[in-house]
Amino acid sequence: MRVLVVDDHQLFLDGIRHILEKLDKEIQITEANSVEKAIQALEHPQELDLALIDLCMPGMDGIALLQSLRERKLRLPVVVVSGEDNAAKIRSALELGALGFIPKSYGSQQMLDALNGVLEGDIYLPDHIEQQINRLSTRRPPLEAEANLALKTSGITRRQYDVLQLMAQGYSNKQIASTLFLTEHTVKSHVSALFVILGASNSTSCVQNAVTRDILAKSV
């Protein structure tokens, strides 16, 4: 696994390296202590599997980096690892494609569990941060949909729900990948999981079963 870590504190860079080495013994880590250096490292995004970024840095911040990734249509999984606790800013990062937020205050095992969850296709948010975001007006359907009991008990992750909604709109795997800034391989994995959970053999029956079980609204 190849990971880009973007943070302006060397002590954190040293610490996260030790944690990531527990995630994968053969991990390759590229460090960048500024957004500008991170953008340089992203000249060859196909050489990276994951990026961990801080939100608060001198000059260009983490939000600017996420905006740059979106503008360049780079589908690189990004997780925010930050001491930032502003719910509105964290929500902005999620809306720009971040797959989760991990507080810097987490211990090594908590951080490993959170990263493993993201790598398995979920969006990671601490409960208290998710509650704060839910109190804000938000355009993120997965967070709003958490109020749906059928969805909560279905076993469908928030990222799988993203995929399911776009399937319901007739998007192809390629279009879903482009919209959600994922690889087609990742989308296919989510679709396969949805087929199993919803007892479907194709996209049409998958969506129909989701509607029948009240996971998707009939108007979708």
N, C-alpha and C. Protein backbone atom coordinates (compact mmCIF):
# COMPACT_ATOMS: atom_id res chain seq x y z
N MET A 1 0.84 -1.20 0.00
CA MET A 1 0.00 0.00 0.00
C MET A 1 0.87 1.25 0.00
N ARG A 2 0.46 2.24 -0.79
CA ARG A 2 1.21 3.49 -0.91
C ARG A 2 0.35 4.65 -0.38
N VAL A 3 0.86 5.34 0.63
CA VAL A 3 0.08 6.36 1.32
C VAL A 3 0.80 7.70 1.32
N LEU A 4 0.05 8.76 1.03
CA LEU A 4 0.56 10.12 1.14
C LEU A 4 0.04 10.71 2.44
N VAL A 5 0.95 11.21 3.29
CA VAL A 5 0.56 11.85 4.55
C VAL A 5 0.92 13.33 4.47
N VAL A 6 -0.08 14.19 4.65
CA VAL A 6 0.11 15.63 4.52
C VAL A 6 -0.12 16.31 5.86
N ASP A 7 0.94 16.80 6.47
CA ASP A 7 0.84 17.45 7.78
C ASP A 7 2.10 18.30 7.98
N ASP A 8 1.93 19.44 8.64
CA ASP A 8 3.07 20.34 8.81
C ASP A 8 3.82 20.11 10.12
N HIS A 9 3.46 19.08 10.88
CA HIS A 9 4.15 18.78 12.13
C HIS A 9 4.94 17.47 11.98
N GLN A 10 6.25 17.56 12.06
CA GLN A 10 7.09 16.40 11.87
C GLN A 10 6.83 15.33 12.93
N LEU A 11 6.52 15.76 14.15
CA LEU A 11 6.25 14.79 15.21
C LEU A 11 5.06 13.90 14.85
N PHE A 12 4.02 14.51 14.26
CA PHE A 12 2.87 13.72 13.84
C PHE A 12 3.25 12.80 12.68
N LEU A 13 4.02 13.31 11.74
CA LEU A 13 4.45 12.48 10.60
C LEU A 13 5.21 11.25 11.09
N ASP A 14 6.07 11.45 12.08
CA ASP A 14 6.83 10.33 12.63
C ASP A 14 5.89 9.33 13.31
N GLY A 15 4.92 9.85 14.06
CA GLY A 15 4.00 8.98 14.79
C GLY A 15 3.08 8.20 13.88
N ILE A 16 2.53 8.86 12.85
CA ILE A 16 1.60 8.18 11.96
C ILE A 16 2.32 7.12 11.13
N ARG A 17 3.60 7.32 10.88
CA ARG A 17 4.37 6.31 10.15
C ARG A 17 4.36 4.99 10.92
N HIS A 18 4.59 5.06 12.23
CA HIS A 18 4.61 3.84 13.05
C HIS A 18 3.24 3.16 13.06
N ILE A 19 2.17 3.96 13.08
CA ILE A 19 0.82 3.40 13.07
C ILE A 19 0.53 2.73 11.73
N LEU A 20 0.89 3.39 10.64
CA LEU A 20 0.62 2.85 9.31
C LEU A 20 1.40 1.57 9.04
N GLU A 21 2.56 1.46 9.62
CA GLU A 21 3.36 0.25 9.43
C GLU A 21 2.69 -0.96 10.08
N LYS A 22 1.80 -0.71 11.05
CA LYS A 22 1.02 -1.79 11.65
C LYS A 22 -0.12 -2.19 10.73
N LEU A 23 -0.54 -1.25 9.88
CA LEU A 23 -1.64 -1.50 8.95
C LEU A 23 -1.19 -2.40 7.81
N ASP A 24 0.05 -2.21 7.37
CA ASP A 24 0.60 -2.98 6.25
C ASP A 24 2.13 -2.96 6.38
N LYS A 25 2.71 -4.13 6.56
CA LYS A 25 4.16 -4.20 6.77
C LYS A 25 4.95 -3.70 5.57
N GLU A 26 4.36 -3.78 4.39
CA GLU A 26 5.05 -3.36 3.17
C GLU A 26 4.60 -1.97 2.71
N ILE A 27 4.05 -1.19 3.63
CA ILE A 27 3.53 0.13 3.27
C ILE A 27 4.64 1.07 2.82
N GLN A 28 4.32 1.90 1.83
CA GLN A 28 5.25 2.91 1.35
C GLN A 28 4.62 4.28 1.64
N ILE A 29 5.34 5.10 2.39
CA ILE A 29 4.78 6.37 2.84
C ILE A 29 5.52 7.54 2.22
N THR A 30 4.75 8.46 1.64
CA THR A 30 5.30 9.71 1.12
C THR A 30 4.83 10.83 2.04
N GLU A 31 5.75 11.63 2.54
CA GLU A 31 5.41 12.72 3.44
C GLU A 31 5.42 14.06 2.72
N ALA A 32 4.48 14.92 3.10
CA ALA A 32 4.44 16.29 2.57
C ALA A 32 4.07 17.21 3.73
N ASN A 33 4.90 18.22 4.00
CA ASN A 33 4.62 19.11 5.13
C ASN A 33 3.89 20.38 4.70
N SER A 34 3.36 20.39 3.48
CA SER A 34 2.56 21.52 3.01
C SER A 34 1.67 21.03 1.87
N VAL A 35 0.59 21.77 1.61
CA VAL A 35 -0.31 21.42 0.52
C VAL A 35 0.41 21.52 -0.82
N GLU A 36 1.28 22.52 -0.93
CA GLU A 36 2.02 22.70 -2.19
C GLU A 36 2.85 21.46 -2.51
N LYS A 37 3.53 20.91 -1.50
CA LYS A 37 4.34 19.71 -1.72
C LYS A 37 3.45 18.50 -1.99
N ALA A 38 2.28 18.49 -1.37
CA ALA A 38 1.34 17.39 -1.61
C ALA A 38 0.87 17.39 -3.05
N ILE A 39 0.59 18.57 -3.58
CA ILE A 39 0.15 18.68 -4.97
C ILE A 39 1.25 18.18 -5.92
N GLN A 40 2.50 18.47 -5.58
CA GLN A 40 3.61 17.95 -6.37
C GLN A 40 3.64 16.42 -6.34
N ALA A 41 3.41 15.87 -5.15
CA ALA A 41 3.41 14.41 -5.01
C ALA A 41 2.27 13.77 -5.78
N LEU A 42 1.20 14.54 -6.01
CA LEU A 42 0.03 14.02 -6.71
C LEU A 42 0.15 14.13 -8.23
N GLU A 43 1.33 14.49 -8.71
CA GLU A 43 1.54 14.51 -10.16
C GLU A 43 1.37 13.11 -10.74
N HIS A 44 1.59 12.10 -9.89
CA HIS A 44 1.42 10.71 -10.34
C HIS A 44 0.50 10.00 -9.35
N PRO A 45 -0.81 10.36 -9.34
CA PRO A 45 -1.75 9.83 -8.35
C PRO A 45 -1.94 8.32 -8.45
N GLN A 46 -1.67 7.74 -9.64
CA GLN A 46 -1.83 6.30 -9.81
C GLN A 46 -0.84 5.51 -8.95
N GLU A 47 0.16 6.21 -8.43
CA GLU A 47 1.15 5.55 -7.58
C GLU A 47 0.74 5.56 -6.11
N LEU A 48 -0.45 6.10 -5.81
CA LEU A 48 -0.92 6.21 -4.42
C LEU A 48 -2.23 5.45 -4.23
N ASP A 49 -2.40 4.89 -3.03
CA ASP A 49 -3.63 4.17 -2.70
C ASP A 49 -4.49 4.93 -1.70
N LEU A 50 -3.89 5.86 -0.96
CA LEU A 50 -4.60 6.56 0.09
C LEU A 50 -3.86 7.83 0.46
N ALA A 51 -4.60 8.87 0.87
CA ALA A 51 -3.98 10.10 1.37
C ALA A 51 -4.60 10.45 2.72
N LEU A 52 -3.75 10.81 3.67
CA LEU A 52 -4.19 11.28 4.98
C LEU A 52 -3.79 12.75 5.08
N ILE A 53 -4.74 13.62 5.32
CA ILE A 53 -4.42 15.05 5.29
C ILE A 53 -4.91 15.76 6.55
N ASP A 54 -4.14 16.76 6.95
CA ASP A 54 -4.55 17.65 8.04
C ASP A 54 -5.38 18.77 7.42
N LEU A 55 -6.30 19.35 8.18
CA LEU A 55 -7.08 20.47 7.67
C LEU A 55 -6.41 21.80 7.93
N CYS A 56 -5.71 21.92 9.05
CA CYS A 56 -5.13 23.20 9.45
C CYS A 56 -3.63 23.21 9.18
N MET A 57 -3.25 23.93 8.14
CA MET A 57 -1.83 24.08 7.79
C MET A 57 -1.58 25.50 7.31
N PRO A 58 -0.36 26.00 7.47
CA PRO A 58 -0.05 27.34 6.99
C PRO A 58 -0.23 27.43 5.47
N GLY A 59 -0.60 28.58 4.99
CA GLY A 59 -0.79 28.75 3.55
C GLY A 59 -2.06 28.05 3.11
N MET A 60 -1.97 27.26 2.06
CA MET A 60 -3.11 26.47 1.60
C MET A 60 -3.43 25.40 2.63
N ASP A 61 -4.72 25.23 2.94
CA ASP A 61 -5.09 24.24 3.96
C ASP A 61 -5.62 22.96 3.31
N GLY A 62 -6.11 22.05 4.17
CA GLY A 62 -6.59 20.78 3.67
C GLY A 62 -7.79 20.90 2.75
N ILE A 63 -8.65 21.87 3.02
CA ILE A 63 -9.81 22.09 2.15
C ILE A 63 -9.34 22.47 0.74
N ALA A 64 -8.31 23.30 0.66
CA ALA A 64 -7.77 23.69 -0.64
C ALA A 64 -7.22 22.47 -1.39
N LEU A 65 -6.61 21.55 -0.65
CA LEU A 65 -6.08 20.34 -1.29
C LEU A 65 -7.21 19.48 -1.83
N LEU A 66 -8.28 19.33 -1.06
CA LEU A 66 -9.43 18.56 -1.53
C LEU A 66 -10.07 19.21 -2.76
N GLN A 67 -10.13 20.54 -2.76
CA GLN A 67 -10.68 21.25 -3.93
C GLN A 67 -9.80 21.01 -5.15
N SER A 68 -8.48 20.99 -4.94
CA SER A 68 -7.56 20.74 -6.04
C SER A 68 -7.75 19.33 -6.60
N LEU A 69 -7.94 18.36 -5.71
CA LEU A 69 -8.18 16.98 -6.16
C LEU A 69 -9.45 16.90 -6.99
N ARG A 70 -10.50 17.58 -6.54
CA ARG A 70 -11.76 17.54 -7.28
C ARG A 70 -11.63 18.22 -8.63
N GLU A 71 -10.98 19.37 -8.66
CA GLU A 71 -10.82 20.10 -9.92
C GLU A 71 -10.03 19.28 -10.94
N ARG A 72 -9.07 18.52 -10.43
CA ARG A 72 -8.24 17.70 -11.32
C ARG A 72 -8.84 16.32 -11.56
N LYS A 73 -10.01 16.07 -10.97
CA LYS A 73 -10.74 14.81 -11.13
C LYS A 73 -9.87 13.60 -10.77
N LEU A 74 -9.15 13.75 -9.66
CA LEU A 74 -8.31 12.65 -9.17
C LEU A 74 -9.10 11.82 -8.17
N ARG A 75 -9.28 10.55 -8.47
CA ARG A 75 -10.07 9.68 -7.60
C ARG A 75 -9.16 8.94 -6.63
N LEU A 76 -8.63 9.70 -5.69
CA LEU A 76 -7.75 9.15 -4.66
C LEU A 76 -8.49 9.15 -3.32
N PRO A 77 -8.61 7.99 -2.65
CA PRO A 77 -9.26 7.98 -1.33
C PRO A 77 -8.51 8.89 -0.36
N VAL A 78 -9.24 9.80 0.28
CA VAL A 78 -8.63 10.76 1.20
C VAL A 78 -9.35 10.69 2.55
N VAL A 79 -8.57 10.66 3.62
CA VAL A 79 -9.11 10.71 4.97
C VAL A 79 -8.49 11.90 5.69
N VAL A 80 -9.32 12.67 6.37
CA VAL A 80 -8.83 13.79 7.15
C VAL A 80 -8.41 13.28 8.53
N VAL A 81 -7.16 13.55 8.92
CA VAL A 81 -6.67 13.24 10.26
C VAL A 81 -6.23 14.57 10.85
N SER A 82 -7.02 15.11 11.76
CA SER A 82 -6.79 16.50 12.17
C SER A 82 -7.24 16.76 13.60
N GLY A 83 -6.69 17.83 14.16
CA GLY A 83 -7.14 18.30 15.47
C GLY A 83 -8.30 19.26 15.32
N GLU A 84 -8.69 19.58 14.09
CA GLU A 84 -9.81 20.48 13.81
C GLU A 84 -11.11 19.88 14.35
N ASP A 85 -11.92 20.69 15.03
CA ASP A 85 -13.19 20.17 15.54
C ASP A 85 -14.38 21.01 15.11
N ASN A 86 -14.16 21.83 14.07
CA ASN A 86 -15.25 22.65 13.54
C ASN A 86 -16.10 21.79 12.61
N ALA A 87 -17.35 21.52 13.04
CA ALA A 87 -18.21 20.62 12.28
C ALA A 87 -18.47 21.11 10.86
N ALA A 88 -18.62 22.42 10.68
CA ALA A 88 -18.88 22.96 9.35
C ALA A 88 -17.70 22.71 8.41
N LYS A 89 -16.49 22.86 8.94
CA LYS A 89 -15.31 22.63 8.11
C LYS A 89 -15.14 21.15 7.79
N ILE A 90 -15.44 20.30 8.77
CA ILE A 90 -15.36 18.86 8.53
C ILE A 90 -16.40 18.44 7.51
N ARG A 91 -17.59 19.02 7.61
CA ARG A 91 -18.63 18.73 6.62
C ARG A 91 -18.18 19.15 5.23
N SER A 92 -17.53 20.31 5.13
CA SER A 92 -17.03 20.76 3.83
C SER A 92 -16.05 19.75 3.24
N ALA A 93 -15.20 19.19 4.10
CA ALA A 93 -14.23 18.20 3.64
C ALA A 93 -14.95 16.96 3.11
N LEU A 94 -16.01 16.54 3.80
CA LEU A 94 -16.78 15.38 3.35
C LEU A 94 -17.47 15.66 2.02
N GLU A 95 -18.00 16.87 1.88
CA GLU A 95 -18.69 17.23 0.65
C GLU A 95 -17.72 17.31 -0.53
N LEU A 96 -16.45 17.53 -0.23
CA LEU A 96 -15.43 17.57 -1.28
C LEU A 96 -14.83 16.19 -1.55
N GLY A 97 -15.37 15.17 -0.89
CA GLY A 97 -14.95 13.81 -1.22
C GLY A 97 -14.16 13.06 -0.17
N ALA A 98 -13.84 13.69 0.97
CA ALA A 98 -13.12 12.97 2.02
C ALA A 98 -13.95 11.79 2.49
N LEU A 99 -13.29 10.68 2.77
CA LEU A 99 -13.98 9.46 3.17
C LEU A 99 -14.09 9.31 4.68
N GLY A 100 -13.69 10.32 5.40
CA GLY A 100 -13.81 10.23 6.84
C GLY A 100 -13.00 11.29 7.56
N PHE A 101 -13.24 11.35 8.86
CA PHE A 101 -12.50 12.28 9.73
C PHE A 101 -12.05 11.52 10.96
N ILE A 102 -10.74 11.53 11.22
CA ILE A 102 -10.17 10.87 12.39
C ILE A 102 -9.49 11.92 13.25
N PRO A 103 -9.90 12.08 14.50
CA PRO A 103 -9.25 13.08 15.36
C PRO A 103 -7.80 12.70 15.67
N LYS A 104 -6.93 13.67 15.73
CA LYS A 104 -5.54 13.42 16.11
C LYS A 104 -5.42 12.93 17.54
N SER A 105 -6.45 13.16 18.32
CA SER A 105 -6.41 12.74 19.72
C SER A 105 -6.58 11.23 19.88
N TYR A 106 -6.93 10.54 18.80
CA TYR A 106 -7.13 9.10 18.87
C TYR A 106 -5.83 8.37 19.20
N GLY A 107 -5.95 7.25 19.89
CA GLY A 107 -4.82 6.38 20.12
C GLY A 107 -4.55 5.56 18.88
N SER A 108 -3.45 4.83 18.88
CA SER A 108 -3.04 4.09 17.69
C SER A 108 -4.08 3.04 17.28
N GLN A 109 -4.67 2.32 18.24
CA GLN A 109 -5.63 1.29 17.88
C GLN A 109 -6.92 1.88 17.33
N GLN A 110 -7.38 3.00 17.93
CA GLN A 110 -8.56 3.68 17.40
C GLN A 110 -8.32 4.14 15.97
N MET A 111 -7.13 4.66 15.72
CA MET A 111 -6.82 5.14 14.39
C MET A 111 -6.75 3.99 13.39
N LEU A 112 -6.17 2.88 13.80
CA LEU A 112 -6.10 1.70 12.94
C LEU A 112 -7.50 1.18 12.62
N ASP A 113 -8.37 1.12 13.62
CA ASP A 113 -9.74 0.64 13.40
C ASP A 113 -10.47 1.56 12.43
N ALA A 114 -10.28 2.86 12.58
CA ALA A 114 -10.94 3.82 11.70
C ALA A 114 -10.44 3.68 10.27
N LEU A 115 -9.13 3.56 10.09
CA LEU A 115 -8.56 3.41 8.75
C LEU A 115 -9.01 2.11 8.10
N ASN A 116 -9.06 1.04 8.87
CA ASN A 116 -9.53 -0.24 8.32
C ASN A 116 -10.96 -0.12 7.85
N GLY A 117 -11.79 0.62 8.61
CA GLY A 117 -13.17 0.83 8.21
C GLY A 117 -13.27 1.55 6.87
N VAL A 118 -12.45 2.58 6.70
CA VAL A 118 -12.45 3.34 5.44
C VAL A 118 -11.99 2.44 4.29
N LEU A 119 -10.93 1.66 4.51
CA LEU A 119 -10.41 0.80 3.47
C LEU A 119 -11.40 -0.29 3.08
N GLU A 120 -12.32 -0.61 3.99
CA GLU A 120 -13.36 -1.60 3.69
C GLU A 120 -14.58 -0.97 3.02
N GLY A 121 -14.54 0.35 2.83
CA GLY A 121 -15.60 1.01 2.07
C GLY A 121 -16.55 1.88 2.86
N ASP A 122 -16.33 2.01 4.17
CA ASP A 122 -17.22 2.85 4.97
C ASP A 122 -16.69 4.28 5.01
N ILE A 123 -17.53 5.19 5.49
CA ILE A 123 -17.11 6.57 5.76
C ILE A 123 -17.00 6.69 7.27
N TYR A 124 -15.82 7.07 7.76
CA TYR A 124 -15.63 7.09 9.21
C TYR A 124 -15.85 8.47 9.79
N LEU A 125 -16.71 8.54 10.80
CA LEU A 125 -16.92 9.77 11.57
C LEU A 125 -17.13 9.40 13.04
N PRO A 126 -16.46 10.05 13.97
CA PRO A 126 -16.76 9.83 15.38
C PRO A 126 -18.21 10.21 15.64
N ASP A 127 -18.86 9.54 16.57
CA ASP A 127 -20.28 9.79 16.83
C ASP A 127 -20.58 11.25 17.13
N HIS A 128 -19.73 11.89 17.95
CA HIS A 128 -20.04 13.27 18.34
C HIS A 128 -19.91 14.23 17.17
N ILE A 129 -18.98 13.94 16.25
CA ILE A 129 -18.85 14.79 15.06
C ILE A 129 -20.03 14.58 14.13
N GLU A 130 -20.45 13.34 13.97
CA GLU A 130 -21.61 13.06 13.11
C GLU A 130 -22.86 13.75 13.65
N GLN A 131 -23.02 13.74 14.97
CA GLN A 131 -24.18 14.40 15.57
C GLN A 131 -24.14 15.91 15.31
N GLN A 132 -22.95 16.50 15.41
CA GLN A 132 -22.82 17.94 15.15
C GLN A 132 -23.14 18.25 13.68
N ILE A 133 -22.66 17.41 12.79
CA ILE A 133 -22.91 17.63 11.36
C ILE A 133 -24.38 17.47 11.04
N ASN A 134 -25.02 16.50 11.68
CA ASN A 134 -26.45 16.28 11.45
C ASN A 134 -27.29 17.47 11.90
N ARG A 135 -26.76 18.26 12.82
CA ARG A 135 -27.50 19.45 13.28
C ARG A 135 -27.39 20.59 12.28
N LEU A 136 -26.40 20.50 11.42
CA LEU A 136 -26.23 21.54 10.41
C LEU A 136 -27.07 21.22 9.19
N SER A 137 -27.45 22.23 8.44
CA SER A 137 -28.11 21.99 7.17
C SER A 137 -27.06 21.36 6.27
N THR A 138 -27.37 20.24 5.66
CA THR A 138 -26.37 19.52 4.86
C THR A 138 -27.00 18.94 3.62
N ARG A 139 -26.20 18.84 2.59
CA ARG A 139 -26.65 18.26 1.33
C ARG A 139 -26.23 16.81 1.21
N ARG A 140 -25.62 16.26 2.24
CA ARG A 140 -25.14 14.88 2.15
C ARG A 140 -26.27 13.90 2.48
N PRO A 141 -26.90 13.27 1.48
CA PRO A 141 -27.99 12.34 1.72
C PRO A 141 -27.66 11.23 2.70
N PRO A 142 -26.43 10.64 2.69
CA PRO A 142 -26.17 9.54 3.62
C PRO A 142 -26.35 9.93 5.08
N LEU A 143 -25.97 11.14 5.45
CA LEU A 143 -26.12 11.55 6.83
C LEU A 143 -27.58 11.76 7.18
N GLU A 144 -28.35 12.33 6.26
CA GLU A 144 -29.77 12.52 6.50
C GLU A 144 -30.47 11.16 6.57
N ALA A 145 -30.01 10.23 5.75
CA ALA A 145 -30.66 8.94 5.66
C ALA A 145 -30.44 8.09 6.89
N GLU A 146 -29.51 8.47 7.75
CA GLU A 146 -29.26 7.69 8.94
C GLU A 146 -30.49 7.66 9.85
N ALA A 147 -31.40 8.65 9.66
CA ALA A 147 -32.62 8.67 10.46
C ALA A 147 -33.57 7.56 10.02
N ASN A 148 -33.32 6.95 8.85
CA ASN A 148 -34.16 5.90 8.31
C ASN A 148 -33.83 4.58 9.02
N LEU A 149 -34.76 4.07 9.82
CA LEU A 149 -34.51 2.86 10.59
C LEU A 149 -34.20 1.68 9.69
N ALA A 150 -34.89 1.59 8.55
CA ALA A 150 -34.65 0.48 7.63
C ALA A 150 -33.22 0.48 7.15
N LEU A 151 -32.67 1.65 6.89
CA LEU A 151 -31.28 1.73 6.44
C LEU A 151 -30.34 1.36 7.58
N LYS A 152 -30.64 1.85 8.77
CA LYS A 152 -29.77 1.58 9.92
C LYS A 152 -29.63 0.09 10.18
N THR A 153 -30.72 -0.65 9.99
CA THR A 153 -30.71 -2.07 10.32
C THR A 153 -30.36 -2.96 9.12
N SER A 154 -30.13 -2.35 7.96
CA SER A 154 -29.89 -3.14 6.74
C SER A 154 -28.48 -3.68 6.63
N GLY A 155 -27.52 -3.02 7.31
CA GLY A 155 -26.12 -3.41 7.15
C GLY A 155 -25.43 -2.68 6.02
N ILE A 156 -26.15 -1.75 5.36
CA ILE A 156 -25.58 -0.98 4.26
C ILE A 156 -24.79 0.19 4.83
N THR A 157 -23.55 0.35 4.38
CA THR A 157 -22.72 1.45 4.84
C THR A 157 -23.14 2.74 4.14
N ARG A 158 -22.66 3.87 4.65
CA ARG A 158 -22.98 5.16 4.02
C ARG A 158 -22.46 5.24 2.59
N ARG A 159 -21.26 4.70 2.36
CA ARG A 159 -20.71 4.76 1.00
C ARG A 159 -21.51 3.85 0.06
N GLN A 160 -21.93 2.69 0.55
CA GLN A 160 -22.77 1.82 -0.26
C GLN A 160 -24.11 2.49 -0.57
N TYR A 161 -24.61 3.27 0.40
CA TYR A 161 -25.86 4.00 0.18
C TYR A 161 -25.67 5.05 -0.92
N ASP A 162 -24.50 5.71 -0.93
CA ASP A 162 -24.19 6.65 -2.02
C ASP A 162 -24.32 5.95 -3.37
N VAL A 163 -23.70 4.77 -3.45
CA VAL A 163 -23.70 4.00 -4.69
C VAL A 163 -25.13 3.58 -5.06
N LEU A 164 -25.88 3.12 -4.07
CA LEU A 164 -27.27 2.68 -4.29
C LEU A 164 -28.13 3.81 -4.85
N GLN A 165 -27.98 5.00 -4.30
CA GLN A 165 -28.77 6.14 -4.79
C GLN A 165 -28.47 6.43 -6.26
N LEU A 166 -27.20 6.37 -6.62
CA LEU A 166 -26.84 6.64 -8.01
C LEU A 166 -27.28 5.51 -8.93
N MET A 167 -27.25 4.28 -8.44
CA MET A 167 -27.79 3.15 -9.20
C MET A 167 -29.26 3.39 -9.51
N ALA A 168 -29.99 3.90 -8.51
CA ALA A 168 -31.42 4.16 -8.67
C ALA A 168 -31.67 5.23 -9.73
N GLN A 169 -30.68 6.09 -9.93
CA GLN A 169 -30.81 7.14 -10.94
C GLN A 169 -30.31 6.69 -12.31
N GLY A 170 -29.93 5.41 -12.41
CA GLY A 170 -29.53 4.85 -13.70
C GLY A 170 -28.08 5.05 -14.05
N TYR A 171 -27.25 5.42 -13.08
CA TYR A 171 -25.84 5.63 -13.36
C TYR A 171 -25.14 4.29 -13.60
N SER A 172 -24.18 4.28 -14.51
CA SER A 172 -23.34 3.10 -14.73
C SER A 172 -22.25 3.08 -13.67
N ASN A 173 -21.54 1.93 -13.55
CA ASN A 173 -20.45 1.86 -12.58
C ASN A 173 -19.40 2.94 -12.86
N LYS A 174 -19.14 3.18 -14.13
CA LYS A 174 -18.15 4.19 -14.50
C LYS A 174 -18.61 5.58 -14.08
N GLN A 175 -19.89 5.87 -14.28
CA GLN A 175 -20.42 7.18 -13.89
C GLN A 175 -20.45 7.33 -12.37
N ILE A 176 -20.76 6.26 -11.66
CA ILE A 176 -20.76 6.30 -10.20
C ILE A 176 -19.34 6.57 -9.70
N ALA A 177 -18.37 5.88 -10.29
CA ALA A 177 -16.97 6.08 -9.89
C ALA A 177 -16.55 7.53 -10.08
N SER A 178 -16.93 8.10 -11.21
CA SER A 178 -16.55 9.48 -11.49
C SER A 178 -17.24 10.45 -10.54
N THR A 179 -18.51 10.21 -10.25
CA THR A 179 -19.28 11.10 -9.37
C THR A 179 -18.78 11.06 -7.93
N LEU A 180 -18.43 9.86 -7.45
CA LEU A 180 -18.03 9.70 -6.05
C LEU A 180 -16.52 9.73 -5.86
N PHE A 181 -15.78 9.96 -6.95
CA PHE A 181 -14.32 10.00 -6.88
C PHE A 181 -13.75 8.67 -6.35
N LEU A 182 -14.27 7.57 -6.90
CA LEU A 182 -13.81 6.24 -6.56
C LEU A 182 -13.28 5.55 -7.80
N THR A 183 -12.59 4.44 -7.62
CA THR A 183 -12.19 3.63 -8.76
C THR A 183 -13.36 2.72 -9.13
N GLU A 184 -13.38 2.26 -10.39
CA GLU A 184 -14.45 1.36 -10.81
C GLU A 184 -14.40 0.06 -10.01
N HIS A 185 -13.20 -0.37 -9.67
CA HIS A 185 -13.05 -1.60 -8.88
C HIS A 185 -13.74 -1.46 -7.53
N THR A 186 -13.57 -0.31 -6.88
CA THR A 186 -14.22 -0.07 -5.59
C THR A 186 -15.73 -0.04 -5.74
N VAL A 187 -16.22 0.61 -6.80
CA VAL A 187 -17.66 0.67 -7.05
C VAL A 187 -18.22 -0.74 -7.25
N LYS A 188 -17.53 -1.55 -8.04
CA LYS A 188 -17.99 -2.93 -8.27
C LYS A 188 -18.06 -3.71 -6.97
N SER A 189 -17.13 -3.46 -6.07
CA SER A 189 -17.14 -4.14 -4.77
C SER A 189 -18.37 -3.73 -3.96
N HIS A 190 -18.68 -2.42 -3.99
CA HIS A 190 -19.87 -1.93 -3.27
C HIS A 190 -21.15 -2.50 -3.89
N VAL A 191 -21.20 -2.55 -5.22
CA VAL A 191 -22.38 -3.08 -5.91
C VAL A 191 -22.57 -4.56 -5.56
N SER A 192 -21.48 -5.31 -5.55
CA SER A 192 -21.56 -6.73 -5.21
C SER A 192 -22.10 -6.91 -3.79
N ALA A 193 -21.62 -6.07 -2.87
CA ALA A 193 -22.08 -6.13 -1.48
C ALA A 193 -23.57 -5.81 -1.40
N LEU A 194 -24.01 -4.82 -2.17
CA LEU A 194 -25.43 -4.44 -2.17
C LEU A 194 -26.30 -5.58 -2.72
N PHE A 195 -25.81 -6.27 -3.74
CA PHE A 195 -26.56 -7.40 -4.29
C PHE A 195 -26.78 -8.47 -3.22
N VAL A 196 -25.75 -8.73 -2.44
CA VAL A 196 -25.84 -9.75 -1.38
C VAL A 196 -26.81 -9.29 -0.29
N ILE A 197 -26.64 -8.06 0.18
CA ILE A 197 -27.47 -7.54 1.27
C ILE A 197 -28.95 -7.49 0.87
N LEU A 198 -29.21 -7.10 -0.39
CA LEU A 198 -30.59 -6.90 -0.84
C LEU A 198 -31.14 -8.10 -1.60
N GLY A 199 -30.37 -9.18 -1.67
CA GLY A 199 -30.85 -10.40 -2.32
C GLY A 199 -31.18 -10.18 -3.78
N ALA A 200 -30.30 -9.49 -4.50
CA ALA A 200 -30.55 -9.14 -5.90
C ALA A 200 -29.50 -9.76 -6.81
N SER A 201 -29.87 -9.91 -8.08
CA SER A 201 -28.94 -10.45 -9.07
C SER A 201 -28.56 -9.43 -10.12
N ASN A 202 -29.23 -8.28 -10.10
CA ASN A 202 -28.89 -7.21 -11.04
C ASN A 202 -29.27 -5.87 -10.43
N SER A 203 -28.88 -4.79 -11.09
CA SER A 203 -29.10 -3.45 -10.54
C SER A 203 -30.58 -3.12 -10.39
N THR A 204 -31.39 -3.53 -11.36
CA THR A 204 -32.82 -3.22 -11.31
C THR A 204 -33.48 -3.84 -10.09
N SER A 205 -33.23 -5.14 -9.87
CA SER A 205 -33.85 -5.79 -8.72
C SER A 205 -33.25 -5.27 -7.41
N CYS A 206 -31.99 -4.84 -7.44
CA CYS A 206 -31.34 -4.28 -6.26
C CYS A 206 -32.07 -3.03 -5.82
N VAL A 207 -32.35 -2.14 -6.76
CA VAL A 207 -33.05 -0.90 -6.46
C VAL A 207 -34.49 -1.19 -6.03
N GLN A 208 -35.16 -2.11 -6.74
CA GLN A 208 -36.55 -2.45 -6.40
C GLN A 208 -36.65 -3.01 -4.98
N ASN A 209 -35.71 -3.88 -4.63
CA ASN A 209 -35.72 -4.46 -3.29
C ASN A 209 -35.45 -3.40 -2.22
N ALA A 210 -34.58 -2.43 -2.56
CA ALA A 210 -34.29 -1.33 -1.63
C ALA A 210 -35.53 -0.48 -1.39
N VAL A 211 -36.32 -0.26 -2.44
CA VAL A 211 -37.56 0.51 -2.32
C VAL A 211 -38.58 -0.28 -1.49
N THR A 212 -38.70 -1.57 -1.78
CA THR A 212 -39.65 -2.42 -1.06
C THR A 212 -39.35 -2.44 0.43
N ARG A 213 -38.05 -2.41 0.77
CA ARG A 213 -37.64 -2.47 2.18
C ARG A 213 -37.56 -1.07 2.80
N ASP A 214 -38.02 -0.04 2.06
CA ASP A 214 -38.02 1.35 2.56
C ASP A 214 -36.63 1.91 2.81
N ILE A 215 -35.63 1.34 2.15
CA ILE A 215 -34.27 1.88 2.25
C ILE A 215 -34.12 3.06 1.29
N LEU A 216 -34.80 2.95 0.15
CA LEU A 216 -34.89 4.07 -0.80
C LEU A 216 -36.32 4.53 -0.88
N ALA A 217 -36.52 5.83 -1.06
CA ALA A 217 -37.87 6.36 -1.22
C ALA A 217 -38.42 5.96 -2.59
N LYS A 218 -39.71 5.79 -2.69
CA LYS A 218 -40.33 5.35 -3.94
C LYS A 218 -40.14 6.38 -5.04
N SER A 219 -39.94 7.63 -4.67
CA SER A 219 -39.79 8.68 -5.68
C SER A 219 -38.42 8.67 -6.32
N VAL A 220 -37.43 7.93 -5.73
CA VAL A 220 -36.05 7.92 -6.24
C VAL A 220 -36.04 7.19 -7.57
